[in-house]
C-alpha atoms as a PDB file:
ATOM      1  CA  MET A   1      14.218 -68.100 -54.228  1.00  0.00           C
ATOM      2  CA  HIS A   2      12.112 -65.788 -52.155  1.00  0.00           C
ATOM      3  CA  LYS A   3      13.274 -62.165 -52.187  1.00  0.00           C
ATOM      4  CA  PRO A   4      13.957 -61.847 -48.435  1.00  0.00           C
ATOM      5  CA  LEU A   5      16.485 -64.646 -48.826  1.00  0.00           C
ATOM      6  CA  ALA A   6      18.528 -62.585 -51.299  1.00  0.00           C
ATOM      7  CA  GLY A   7      21.005 -61.439 -48.664  1.00  0.00           C
ATOM      8  CA  ILE A   8      21.350 -64.927 -47.259  1.00  0.00           C
ATOM      9  CA  ALA A   9      22.055 -66.348 -50.721  1.00  0.00           C
ATOM     10  CA  GLY A  10      24.787 -63.767 -51.256  1.00  0.00           C
ATOM     11  CA  HIS A  11      26.369 -64.615 -47.919  1.00  0.00           C
ATOM     12  CA  ALA A  12      26.121 -68.338 -48.649  1.00  0.00           C
ATOM     13  CA  ALA A  13      27.940 -67.810 -51.945  1.00  0.00           C
ATOM     14  CA  VAL A  14      30.730 -66.052 -50.049  1.00  0.00           C
ATOM     15  CA  ALA A  15      30.832 -68.813 -47.429  1.00  0.00           C
ATOM     16  CA  PHE A  16      31.116 -71.523 -50.093  1.00  0.00           C
ATOM     17  CA  SER A  17      33.497 -69.525 -52.279  1.00  0.00           C
ATOM     18  CA  PRO A  18      36.597 -71.563 -51.267  1.00  0.00           C
ATOM     19  CA  PHE A  19      34.876 -74.607 -52.768  1.00  0.00           C
ATOM     20  CA  LEU A  20      33.427 -72.791 -55.788  1.00  0.00           C
ATOM     21  CA  MET A  21      36.496 -70.787 -56.836  1.00  0.00           C
ATOM     22  CA  PRO A  22      38.513 -73.731 -58.183  1.00  0.00           C
ATOM     23  CA  LEU A  23      35.541 -74.711 -60.347  1.00  0.00           C
ATOM     24  CA  PHE A  24      34.305 -71.320 -61.550  1.00  0.00           C
ATOM     25  CA  GLY A  25      37.130 -68.860 -60.877  1.00  0.00           C
ATOM     26  CA  PHE A  26      37.342 -65.943 -58.463  1.00  0.00           C
ATOM     27  CA  LYS A  27      35.680 -63.335 -60.685  1.00  0.00           C
ATOM     28  CA  ASN A  28      32.664 -65.507 -61.501  1.00  0.00           C
ATOM     29  CA  VAL A  29      32.072 -66.439 -57.859  1.00  0.00           C
ATOM     30  CA  ASP A  30      32.490 -62.811 -56.764  1.00  0.00           C
ATOM     31  CA  ASP A  31      30.077 -61.571 -59.448  1.00  0.00           C
ATOM     32  CA  TYR A  32      27.564 -64.268 -58.538  1.00  0.00           C
ATOM     33  CA  SER A  33      27.670 -63.466 -54.810  1.00  0.00           C
ATOM     34  CA  GLN A  34      27.268 -59.733 -55.471  1.00  0.00           C
ATOM     35  CA  PHE A  35      24.369 -60.430 -57.829  1.00  0.00           C
ATOM     36  CA  LEU A  36      22.550 -62.616 -55.297  1.00  0.00           C
ATOM     37  CA  SER A  37      23.004 -60.161 -52.440  1.00  0.00           C
ATOM     38  CA  LYS A  38      20.798 -57.475 -54.051  1.00  0.00           C
ATOM     39  CA  ARG A  39      17.039 -57.851 -53.792  1.00  0.00           C
ATOM     40  CA  GLU A  40      16.336 -56.029 -57.072  1.00  0.00           C
ATOM     41  CA  ASN A  41      18.487 -58.557 -58.941  1.00  0.00           C
ATOM     42  CA  ILE A  42      16.426 -61.404 -57.509  1.00  0.00           C
ATOM     43  CA  GLU A  43      13.256 -59.650 -58.699  1.00  0.00           C
ATOM     44  CA  MET A  44      14.754 -59.253 -62.191  1.00  0.00           C
ATOM     45  CA  LEU A  45      15.759 -62.930 -62.240  1.00  0.00           C
ATOM     46  CA  ILE A  46      12.245 -63.998 -61.220  1.00  0.00           C
ATOM     47  CA  ARG A  47      10.703 -61.866 -63.993  1.00  0.00           C
ATOM     48  CA  ARG A  48      13.069 -63.311 -66.624  1.00  0.00           C
ATOM     49  CA  ILE A  49      12.344 -66.890 -65.558  1.00  0.00           C
ATOM     50  CA  GLU A  50       8.595 -66.244 -65.600  1.00  0.00           C
ATOM     51  CA  SER A  51       8.725 -64.615 -69.037  1.00  0.00           C
ATOM     52  CA  LYS A  52      10.716 -67.531 -70.468  1.00  0.00           C
ATOM     53  CA  ASP A  53       8.328 -69.998 -68.823  1.00  0.00           C
ATOM     54  CA  ASP A  54       5.320 -68.211 -70.362  1.00  0.00           C
ATOM     55  CA  GLY A  55       6.952 -68.336 -73.800  1.00  0.00           C
ATOM     56  CA  THR A  56       7.722 -72.036 -73.461  1.00  0.00           C
ATOM     57  CA  GLN A  57       4.165 -72.870 -72.447  1.00  0.00           C
ATOM     58  CA  GLU A  58       2.728 -70.884 -75.362  1.00  0.00           C
ATOM     59  CA  ALA A  59       5.071 -72.588 -77.840  1.00  0.00           C
ATOM     60  CA  SER A  60       4.183 -76.072 -76.583  1.00  0.00           C
ATOM     61  CA  GLU A  61       0.449 -75.280 -76.671  1.00  0.00           C
ATOM     62  CA  GLY A  62       0.747 -74.018 -80.249  1.00  0.00           C
ATOM     63  CA  ALA A  63       2.518 -77.199 -81.351  1.00  0.00           C
ATOM     64  CA  SER A  64      -0.374 -79.412 -80.180  1.00  0.00           C
END
């Protein structure tokens, strides 16, 4: 997800919350929407995904 879309993702989570709450519970949906609405959280998420991806690629290259 591109960082400028962080606010939109948070609002979308709120808009879909009536459908998500029965599956995940109010607190989880609320936490998720608050997390997605902050740009710095999106940056942190991107960094964590990239670091895990780098580790996975290195492990698979070492196994060959």
